PDB file of all heavy atoms in Angstrom:
ATOM      1  N   PRO A   1     133.050  69.911 128.496  1.00  0.00           N
ATOM      2  CA  PRO A   1     132.490  68.651 128.991  1.00  0.00           C
ATOM      3  C   PRO A   1     131.196  68.839 129.773  1.00  0.00           C
ATOM      4  O   PRO A   1     130.968  69.895 130.380  1.00  0.00           O
ATOM      5  CB  PRO A   1     133.595  68.122 129.921  1.00  0.00           C
ATOM      6  CG  PRO A   1     134.839  68.819 129.519  1.00  0.00           C
ATOM      7  CD  PRO A   1     134.403  70.156 128.998  1.00  0.00           C
ATOM      8  N   PRO A   2     130.368  67.807 129.791  1.00  0.00           N
ATOM      9  CA  PRO A   2     129.141  67.847 130.591  1.00  0.00           C
ATOM     10  C   PRO A   2     129.488  68.094 132.056  1.00  0.00           C
ATOM     11  O   PRO A   2     130.526  67.645 132.548  1.00  0.00           O
ATOM     12  CB  PRO A   2     128.535  66.450 130.417  1.00  0.00           C
ATOM     13  CG  PRO A   2     129.188  65.893 129.197  1.00  0.00           C
ATOM     14  CD  PRO A   2     130.529  66.541 129.087  1.00  0.00           C
ATOM     15  N   GLY A   3     128.630  68.834 132.725  1.00  0.00           N
ATOM     16  CA  GLY A   3     128.844  69.107 134.140  1.00  0.00           C
ATOM     17  C   GLY A   3     129.592  70.400 134.409  1.00  0.00           C
ATOM     18  O   GLY A   3     129.588  70.898 135.528  1.00  0.00           O
ATOM     19  N   VAL A   4     130.233  70.942 133.388  1.00  0.00           N
ATOM     20  CA  VAL A   4     130.933  72.217 133.547  1.00  0.00           C
ATOM     21  C   VAL A   4     129.903  73.329 133.409  1.00  0.00           C
ATOM     22  O   VAL A   4     129.136  73.369 132.453  1.00  0.00           O
ATOM     23  CB  VAL A   4     132.047  72.382 132.488  1.00  0.00           C
ATOM     24  CG1 VAL A   4     132.630  73.787 132.534  1.00  0.00           C
ATOM     25  CG2 VAL A   4     133.132  71.339 132.685  1.00  0.00           C
ATOM     26  N   GLU A   5     129.887  74.217 134.388  1.00  0.00           N
ATOM     27  CA  GLU A   5     128.976  75.365 134.346  1.00  0.00           C
ATOM     28  C   GLU A   5     129.625  76.453 133.492  1.00  0.00           C
ATOM     29  O   GLU A   5     130.726  76.907 133.799  1.00  0.00           O
ATOM     30  CB  GLU A   5     128.726  75.892 135.753  1.00  0.00           C
ATOM     31  CG  GLU A   5     127.799  77.075 135.797  1.00  0.00           C
ATOM     32  CD  GLU A   5     127.656  77.639 137.206  1.00  0.00           C
ATOM     33  OE1 GLU A   5     128.077  76.989 138.179  1.00  0.00           O
ATOM     34  OE2 GLU A   5     127.119  78.751 137.302  1.00  0.00           O
ATOM     35  N   VAL A   6     128.974  76.843 132.424  1.00  0.00           N
ATOM     36  CA  VAL A   6     129.505  77.867 131.526  1.00  0.00           C
ATOM     37  C   VAL A   6     128.771  79.176 131.793  1.00  0.00           C
ATOM     38  O   VAL A   6     127.540  79.215 131.785  1.00  0.00           O
ATOM     39  CB  VAL A   6     129.338  77.452 130.047  1.00  0.00           C
ATOM     40  CG1 VAL A   6     129.907  78.526 129.123  1.00  0.00           C
ATOM     41  CG2 VAL A   6     130.025  76.114 129.786  1.00  0.00           C
ATOM     42  N   VAL A   7     129.547  80.231 132.060  1.00  0.00           N
ATOM     43  CA  VAL A   7     128.953  81.538 132.340  1.00  0.00           C
ATOM     44  C   VAL A   7     129.561  82.596 131.438  1.00  0.00           C
ATOM     45  O   VAL A   7     130.715  82.501 131.023  1.00  0.00           O
ATOM     46  CB  VAL A   7     129.134  81.950 133.816  1.00  0.00           C
ATOM     47  CG1 VAL A   7     128.406  81.003 134.743  1.00  0.00           C
ATOM     48  CG2 VAL A   7     130.594  82.060 134.196  1.00  0.00           C
ATOM     49  N   ARG A   8     128.764  83.621 131.153  1.00  0.00           N
ATOM     50  CA  ARG A   8     129.240  84.738 130.359  1.00  0.00           C
ATOM     51  C   ARG A   8     130.008  85.694 131.246  1.00  0.00           C
ATOM     52  O   ARG A   8     129.602  85.994 132.371  1.00  0.00           O
ATOM     53  CB  ARG A   8     128.063  85.486 129.729  1.00  0.00           C
ATOM     54  CG  ARG A   8     128.512  86.588 128.783  1.00  0.00           C
ATOM     55  CD  ARG A   8     127.457  87.688 128.667  1.00  0.00           C
ATOM     56  NE  ARG A   8     128.055  88.909 128.202  1.00  0.00           N
ATOM     57  CZ  ARG A   8     128.731  89.781 128.955  1.00  0.00           C
ATOM     58  NH1 ARG A   8     128.911  89.575 130.219  1.00  0.00           N
ATOM     59  NH2 ARG A   8     129.243  90.867 128.434  1.00  0.00           N
ATOM     60  N   GLY A   9     131.117  86.161 130.748  1.00  0.00           N
ATOM     61  CA  GLY A   9     131.888  87.152 131.473  1.00  0.00           C
ATOM     62  C   GLY A   9     132.799  87.903 130.526  1.00  0.00           C
ATOM     63  O   GLY A   9     133.226  87.366 129.506  1.00  0.00           O
ATOM     64  N   ASP A  10     133.041  89.143 130.867  1.00  0.00           N
ATOM     65  CA  ASP A  10     133.918  89.982 130.055  1.00  0.00           C
ATOM     66  C   ASP A  10     134.706  90.861 131.004  1.00  0.00           C
ATOM     67  O   ASP A  10     134.134  91.472 131.910  1.00  0.00           O
ATOM     68  CB  ASP A  10     133.066  90.833 129.105  1.00  0.00           C
ATOM     69  CG  ASP A  10     133.901  91.538 128.055  1.00  0.00           C
ATOM     70  OD1 ASP A  10     134.942  92.133 128.411  1.00  0.00           O
ATOM     71  OD2 ASP A  10     133.509  91.500 126.884  1.00  0.00           O
ATOM     72  N   TYR A  11     136.006  90.929 130.805  1.00  0.00           N
ATOM     73  CA  TYR A  11     136.863  91.733 131.682  1.00  0.00           C
ATOM     74  C   TYR A  11     136.434  93.199 131.699  1.00  0.00           C
ATOM     75  O   TYR A  11     136.659  93.893 132.680  1.00  0.00           O
ATOM     76  CB  TYR A  11     138.322  91.636 131.254  1.00  0.00           C
ATOM     77  CG  TYR A  11     138.924  90.277 131.503  1.00  0.00           C
ATOM     78  CD1 TYR A  11     139.202  89.413 130.453  1.00  0.00           C
ATOM     79  CD2 TYR A  11     139.225  89.860 132.790  1.00  0.00           C
ATOM     80  CE1 TYR A  11     139.769  88.169 130.682  1.00  0.00           C
ATOM     81  CE2 TYR A  11     139.774  88.609 133.030  1.00  0.00           C
ATOM     82  CZ  TYR A  11     140.044  87.778 131.970  1.00  0.00           C
ATOM     83  OH  TYR A  11     140.599  86.548 132.202  1.00  0.00           O
ATOM     84  N   ALA A  12     135.807  93.667 130.645  1.00  0.00           N
ATOM     85  CA  ALA A  12     135.365  95.056 130.574  1.00  0.00           C
ATOM     86  C   ALA A  12     134.026  95.270 131.285  1.00  0.00           C
ATOM     87  O   ALA A  12     133.550  96.391 131.377  1.00  0.00           O
ATOM     88  CB  ALA A  12     135.262  95.507 129.119  1.00  0.00           C
ATOM     89  N   ASP A  13     133.423  94.205 131.794  1.00  0.00           N
ATOM     90  CA  ASP A  13     132.129  94.268 132.469  1.00  0.00           C
ATOM     91  C   ASP A  13     132.282  93.731 133.895  1.00  0.00           C
ATOM     92  O   ASP A  13     132.116  92.532 134.128  1.00  0.00           O
ATOM     93  CB  ASP A  13     131.099  93.448 131.690  1.00  0.00           C
ATOM     94  CG  ASP A  13     129.741  93.405 132.347  1.00  0.00           C
ATOM     95  OD1 ASP A  13     129.525  94.065 133.392  1.00  0.00           O
ATOM     96  OD2 ASP A  13     128.867  92.679 131.818  1.00  0.00           O
ATOM     97  N   PRO A  14     132.634  94.597 134.850  1.00  0.00           N
ATOM     98  CA  PRO A  14     132.880  94.138 136.220  1.00  0.00           C
ATOM     99  C   PRO A  14     131.716  93.365 136.829  1.00  0.00           C
ATOM    100  O   PRO A  14     131.935  92.418 137.587  1.00  0.00           O
ATOM    101  CB  PRO A  14     133.132  95.436 136.996  1.00  0.00           C
ATOM    102  CG  PRO A  14     133.581  96.416 135.975  1.00  0.00           C
ATOM    103  CD  PRO A  14     132.852  96.042 134.705  1.00  0.00           C
ATOM    104  N   GLY A  15     130.491  93.721 136.492  1.00  0.00           N
ATOM    105  CA  GLY A  15     129.339  93.004 137.028  1.00  0.00           C
ATOM    106  C   GLY A  15     129.321  91.541 136.605  1.00  0.00           C
ATOM    107  O   GLY A  15     128.966  90.666 137.394  1.00  0.00           O
ATOM    108  N   SER A  16     129.727  91.273 135.376  1.00  0.00           N
ATOM    109  CA  SER A  16     129.754  89.888 134.910  1.00  0.00           C
ATOM    110  C   SER A  16     130.835  89.091 135.639  1.00  0.00           C
ATOM    111  O   SER A  16     130.663  87.907 135.913  1.00  0.00           O
ATOM    112  CB  SER A  16     129.971  89.818 133.396  1.00  0.00           C
ATOM    113  OG  SER A  16     131.297  90.186 133.040  1.00  0.00           O
ATOM    114  N   LEU A  17     131.930  89.747 135.981  1.00  0.00           N
ATOM    115  CA  LEU A  17     133.011  89.073 136.710  1.00  0.00           C
ATOM    116  C   LEU A  17     132.588  88.778 138.147  1.00  0.00           C
ATOM    117  O   LEU A  17     132.892  87.705 138.682  1.00  0.00           O
ATOM    118  CB  LEU A  17     134.275  89.923 136.691  1.00  0.00           C
ATOM    119  CG  LEU A  17     134.858  90.226 135.317  1.00  0.00           C
ATOM    120  CD1 LEU A  17     136.082  91.118 135.452  1.00  0.00           C
ATOM    121  CD2 LEU A  17     135.185  88.959 134.558  1.00  0.00           C
ATOM    122  N   THR A  18     131.877  89.718 138.756  1.00  0.00           N
ATOM    123  CA  THR A  18     131.391  89.505 140.118  1.00  0.00           C
ATOM    124  C   THR A  18     130.413  88.345 140.151  1.00  0.00           C
ATOM    125  O   THR A  18     130.498  87.474 141.023  1.00  0.00           O
ATOM    126  CB  THR A  18     130.741  90.792 140.667  1.00  0.00           C
ATOM    127  OG1 THR A  18     131.722  91.838 140.661  1.00  0.00           O
ATOM    128  CG2 THR A  18     130.218  90.588 142.081  1.00  0.00           C
ATOM    129  N   ALA A  19     129.490  88.311 139.204  1.00  0.00           N
ATOM    130  CA  ALA A  19     128.518  87.214 139.150  1.00  0.00           C
ATOM    131  C   ALA A  19     129.216  85.877 138.925  1.00  0.00           C
ATOM    132  O   ALA A  19     128.886  84.878 139.562  1.00  0.00           O
ATOM    133  CB  ALA A  19     127.498  87.472 138.039  1.00  0.00           C
ATOM    134  N   ALA A  20     130.201  85.848 138.047  1.00  0.00           N
ATOM    135  CA  ALA A  20     130.915  84.607 137.756  1.00  0.00           C
ATOM    136  C   ALA A  20     131.727  84.126 138.948  1.00  0.00           C
ATOM    137  O   ALA A  20     131.954  82.927 139.118  1.00  0.00           O
ATOM    138  CB  ALA A  20     131.836  84.804 136.554  1.00  0.00           C
ATOM    139  N   SER A  21     132.160  85.051 139.798  1.00  0.00           N
ATOM    140  CA  SER A  21     132.997  84.711 140.950  1.00  0.00           C
ATOM    141  C   SER A  21     132.195  84.252 142.164  1.00  0.00           C
ATOM    142  O   SER A  21     132.764  83.695 143.101  1.00  0.00           O
ATOM    143  CB  SER A  21     133.843  85.922 141.357  1.00  0.00           C
ATOM    144  OG  SER A  21     134.705  86.304 140.312  1.00  0.00           O
ATOM    145  N   ALA A  22     130.898  84.475 142.147  1.00  0.00           N
ATOM    146  CA  ALA A  22     130.068  84.127 143.302  1.00  0.00           C
ATOM    147  C   ALA A  22     130.148  82.633 143.606  1.00  0.00           C
ATOM    148  O   ALA A  22     129.937  81.802 142.726  1.00  0.00           O
ATOM    149  CB  ALA A  22     128.617  84.536 143.047  1.00  0.00           C
ATOM    150  N   GLY A  23     130.501  82.311 144.833  1.00  0.00           N
ATOM    151  CA  GLY A  23     130.520  80.923 145.272  1.00  0.00           C
ATOM    152  C   GLY A  23     131.746  80.123 144.898  1.00  0.00           C
ATOM    153  O   GLY A  23     131.795  78.928 145.164  1.00  0.00           O
ATOM    154  N   VAL A  24     132.736  80.743 144.296  1.00  0.00           N
ATOM    155  CA  VAL A  24     133.936  79.987 143.929  1.00  0.00           C
ATOM    156  C   VAL A  24     134.958  80.015 145.067  1.00  0.00           C
ATOM    157  O   VAL A  24     134.988  80.942 145.876  1.00  0.00           O
ATOM    158  CB  VAL A  24     134.587  80.492 142.616  1.00  0.00           C
ATOM    159  CG1 VAL A  24     133.605  80.442 141.471  1.00  0.00           C
ATOM    160  CG2 VAL A  24     135.172  81.865 142.771  1.00  0.00           C
ATOM    161  N   SER A  25     135.770  78.982 145.130  1.00  0.00           N
ATOM    162  CA  SER A  25     136.814  78.918 146.156  1.00  0.00           C
ATOM    163  C   SER A  25     138.195  79.130 145.562  1.00  0.00           C
ATOM    164  O   SER A  25     139.158  79.346 146.294  1.00  0.00           O
ATOM    165  CB  SER A  25     136.770  77.567 146.872  1.00  0.00           C
ATOM    166  OG  SER A  25     136.936  76.517 145.935  1.00  0.00           O
ATOM    167  N   ALA A  26     138.295  79.066 144.232  1.00  0.00           N
ATOM    168  CA  ALA A  26     139.585  79.258 143.559  1.00  0.00           C
ATOM    169  C   ALA A  26     139.334  79.753 142.141  1.00  0.00           C
ATOM    170  O   ALA A  26     138.274  79.500 141.563  1.00  0.00           O
ATOM    171  CB  ALA A  26     140.368  77.946 143.504  1.00  0.00           C
ATOM    172  N   VAL A  27     140.329  80.461 141.616  1.00  0.00           N
ATOM    173  CA  VAL A  27     140.248  80.987 140.256  1.00  0.00           C
ATOM    174  C   VAL A  27     141.525  80.644 139.511  1.00  0.00           C
ATOM    175  O   VAL A  27     142.620  80.845 140.034  1.00  0.00           O
ATOM    176  CB  VAL A  27     140.051  82.527 140.252  1.00  0.00           C
ATOM    177  CG1 VAL A  27     140.058  83.073 138.833  1.00  0.00           C
ATOM    178  CG2 VAL A  27     138.777  82.919 140.970  1.00  0.00           C
ATOM    179  N   PHE A  28     141.379  80.128 138.297  1.00  0.00           N
ATOM    180  CA  PHE A  28     142.506  79.965 137.379  1.00  0.00           C
ATOM    181  C   PHE A  28     142.380  81.114 136.392  1.00  0.00           C
ATOM    182  O   PHE A  28     141.466  81.151 135.581  1.00  0.00           O
ATOM    183  CB  PHE A  28     142.451  78.620 136.659  1.00  0.00           C
ATOM    184  CG  PHE A  28     143.641  78.385 135.783  1.00  0.00           C
ATOM    185  CD1 PHE A  28     144.801  77.834 136.296  1.00  0.00           C
ATOM    186  CD2 PHE A  28     143.615  78.741 134.441  1.00  0.00           C
ATOM    187  CE1 PHE A  28     145.912  77.634 135.486  1.00  0.00           C
ATOM    188  CE2 PHE A  28     144.714  78.554 133.631  1.00  0.00           C
ATOM    189  CZ  PHE A  28     145.870  77.993 134.156  1.00  0.00           C
ATOM    190  N   LEU A  29     143.291  82.051 136.497  1.00  0.00           N
ATOM    191  CA  LEU A  29     143.209  83.294 135.738  1.00  0.00           C
ATOM    192  C   LEU A  29     144.119  83.246 134.516  1.00  0.00           C
ATOM    193  O   LEU A  29     145.328  83.122 134.641  1.00  0.00           O
ATOM    194  CB  LEU A  29     143.595  84.465 136.642  1.00  0.00           C
ATOM    195  CG  LEU A  29     143.683  85.859 136.036  1.00  0.00           C
ATOM    196  CD1 LEU A  29     142.359  86.270 135.420  1.00  0.00           C
ATOM    197  CD2 LEU A  29     144.100  86.853 137.112  1.00  0.00           C
ATOM    198  N   VAL A  30     143.495  83.318 133.351  1.00  0.00           N
ATOM    199  CA  VAL A  30     144.224  83.434 132.086  1.00  0.00           C
ATOM    200  C   VAL A  30     143.756  84.735 131.449  1.00  0.00           C
ATOM    201  O   VAL A  30     142.567  84.918 131.212  1.00  0.00           O
ATOM    202  CB  VAL A  30     143.914  82.270 131.120  1.00  0.00           C
ATOM    203  CG1 VAL A  30     144.638  82.455 129.805  1.00  0.00           C
ATOM    204  CG2 VAL A  30     144.268  80.938 131.737  1.00  0.00           C
ATOM    205  N   THR A  31     144.690  85.622 131.225  1.00  0.00           N
ATOM    206  CA  THR A  31     144.339  86.918 130.649  1.00  0.00           C
ATOM    207  C   THR A  31     144.920  87.024 129.258  1.00  0.00           C
ATOM    208  O   THR A  31     146.052  86.606 129.030  1.00  0.00           O
ATOM    209  CB  THR A  31     144.932  88.064 131.493  1.00  0.00           C
ATOM    210  OG1 THR A  31     144.945  87.689 132.851  1.00  0.00           O
ATOM    211  CG2 THR A  31     144.120  89.311 131.366  1.00  0.00           C
ATOM    212  N   PRO A  32     144.157  87.588 128.330  1.00  0.00           N
ATOM    213  CA  PRO A  32     144.719  87.764 126.997  1.00  0.00           C
ATOM    214  C   PRO A  32     145.917  88.717 127.055  1.00  0.00           C
ATOM    215  O   PRO A  32     145.881  89.705 127.794  1.00  0.00           O
ATOM    216  CB  PRO A  32     143.573  88.360 126.177  1.00  0.00           C
ATOM    217  CG  PRO A  32     142.559  88.821 127.156  1.00  0.00           C
ATOM    218  CD  PRO A  32     142.795  88.103 128.436  1.00  0.00           C
ATOM    219  N   PRO A  33     146.975  88.413 126.319  1.00  0.00           N
ATOM    220  CA  PRO A  33     148.141  89.297 126.347  1.00  0.00           C
ATOM    221  C   PRO A  33     147.814  90.642 125.710  1.00  0.00           C
ATOM    222  O   PRO A  33     146.927  90.749 124.876  1.00  0.00           O
ATOM    223  CB  PRO A  33     149.182  88.538 125.522  1.00  0.00           C
ATOM    224  CG  PRO A  33     148.398  87.623 124.653  1.00  0.00           C
ATOM    225  CD  PRO A  33     147.137  87.304 125.406  1.00  0.00           C
ATOM    226  N   GLY A  34     148.519  91.639 126.143  1.00  0.00           N
ATOM    227  CA  GLY A  34     148.336  92.960 125.560  1.00  0.00           C
ATOM    228  C   GLY A  34     148.412  94.035 126.612  1.00  0.00           C
ATOM    229  O   GLY A  34     148.600  93.757 127.799  1.00  0.00           O
ATOM    230  N   PRO A  35     148.225  95.255 126.187  1.00  0.00           N
ATOM    231  CA  PRO A  35     148.382  96.389 127.099  1.00  0.00           C
ATOM    232  C   PRO A  35     147.334  96.449 128.206  1.00  0.00           C
ATOM    233  O   PRO A  35     147.541  97.099 129.214  1.00  0.00           O
ATOM    234  CB  PRO A  35     148.282  97.610 126.177  1.00  0.00           C
ATOM    235  CG  PRO A  35     147.597  97.125 124.955  1.00  0.00           C
ATOM    236  CD  PRO A  35     147.933  95.671 124.821  1.00  0.00           C
ATOM    237  N   GLU A  36     146.227  95.758 128.054  1.00  0.00           N
ATOM    238  CA  GLU A  36     145.159  95.780 129.057  1.00  0.00           C
ATOM    239  C   GLU A  36     145.267  94.640 130.066  1.00  0.00           C
ATOM    240  O   GLU A  36     144.442  94.542 130.985  1.00  0.00           O
ATOM    241  CB  GLU A  36     143.787  95.726 128.373  1.00  0.00           C
ATOM    242  CG  GLU A  36     143.499  96.906 127.462  1.00  0.00           C
ATOM    243  CD  GLU A  36     143.447  98.211 128.227  1.00  0.00           C
ATOM    244  OE1 GLU A  36     142.928  98.239 129.362  1.00  0.00           O
ATOM    245  OE2 GLU A  36     143.919  99.220 127.685  1.00  0.00           O
ATOM    246  N   ALA A  37     146.258  93.769 129.925  1.00  0.00           N
ATOM    247  CA  ALA A  37     146.350  92.568 130.756  1.00  0.00           C
ATOM    248  C   ALA A  37     146.332  92.883 132.247  1.00  0.00           C
ATOM    249  O   ALA A  37     145.598  92.245 133.013  1.00  0.00           O
ATOM    250  CB  ALA A  37     147.588  91.757 130.390  1.00  0.00           C
ATOM    251  N   ALA A  38     147.119  93.849 132.685  1.00  0.00           N
ATOM    252  CA  ALA A  38     147.161  94.173 134.120  1.00  0.00           C
ATOM    253  C   ALA A  38     145.800  94.672 134.605  1.00  0.00           C
ATOM    254  O   ALA A  38     145.349  94.314 135.701  1.00  0.00           O
ATOM    255  CB  ALA A  38     148.244  95.202 134.395  1.00  0.00           C
ATOM    256  N   ARG A  39     145.133  95.477 133.798  1.00  0.00           N
ATOM    257  CA  ARG A  39     143.806  95.978 134.173  1.00  0.00           C
ATOM    258  C   ARG A  39     142.805  94.835 134.254  1.00  0.00           C
ATOM    259  O   ARG A  39     141.972  94.785 135.161  1.00  0.00           O
ATOM    260  CB  ARG A  39     143.335  97.036 133.167  1.00  0.00           C
ATOM    261  CG  ARG A  39     142.020  97.704 133.557  1.00  0.00           C
ATOM    262  CD  ARG A  39     141.692  98.888 132.648  1.00  0.00           C
ATOM    263  NE  ARG A  39     141.406  98.485 131.286  1.00  0.00           N
ATOM    264  CZ  ARG A  39     140.205  98.116 130.854  1.00  0.00           C
ATOM    265  NH1 ARG A  39     139.177  98.090 131.672  1.00  0.00           N
ATOM    266  NH2 ARG A  39     140.017  97.782 129.591  1.00  0.00           N
ATOM    267  N   TYR A  40     142.891  93.903 133.322  1.00  0.00           N
ATOM    268  CA  TYR A  40     141.983  92.752 133.337  1.00  0.00           C
ATOM    269  C   TYR A  40     142.231  91.882 134.569  1.00  0.00           C
ATOM    270  O   TYR A  40     141.288  91.428 135.226  1.00  0.00           O
ATOM    271  CB  TYR A  40     142.145  91.912 132.074  1.00  0.00           C
ATOM    272  CG  TYR A  40     141.690  92.572 130.802  1.00  0.00           C
ATOM    273  CD1 TYR A  40     142.153  92.119 129.580  1.00  0.00           C
ATOM    274  CD2 TYR A  40     140.807  93.642 130.798  1.00  0.00           C
ATOM    275  CE1 TYR A  40     141.737  92.698 128.391  1.00  0.00           C
ATOM    276  CE2 TYR A  40     140.395  94.232 129.617  1.00  0.00           C
ATOM    277  CZ  TYR A  40     140.863  93.756 128.415  1.00  0.00           C
ATOM    278  OH  TYR A  40     140.451  94.338 127.244  1.00  0.00           O
ATOM    279  N   ASP A  41     143.505  91.628 134.883  1.00  0.00           N
ATOM    280  CA  ASP A  41     143.829  90.838 136.077  1.00  0.00           C
ATOM    281  C   ASP A  41     143.253  91.497 137.324  1.00  0.00           C
ATOM    282  O   ASP A  41     142.641  90.840 138.168  1.00  0.00           O
ATOM    283  CB  ASP A  41     145.340  90.698 136.240  1.00  0.00           C
ATOM    284  CG  ASP A  41     145.976  89.753 135.233  1.00  0.00           C
ATOM    285  OD1 ASP A  41     145.239  89.034 134.524  1.00  0.00           O
ATOM    286  OD2 ASP A  41     147.216  89.743 135.167  1.00  0.00           O
TER     287      ASP A  41
END
């Protein structure tokens, strides 16, 4: 929807996650299932 800020991020790229997290007060975390889920979380 309009007004939603869309940012690039990849669990394998910590810098992208840090940038995406800047200025947020809450996170809704959905992780793809699989053996890497805990690492991604």
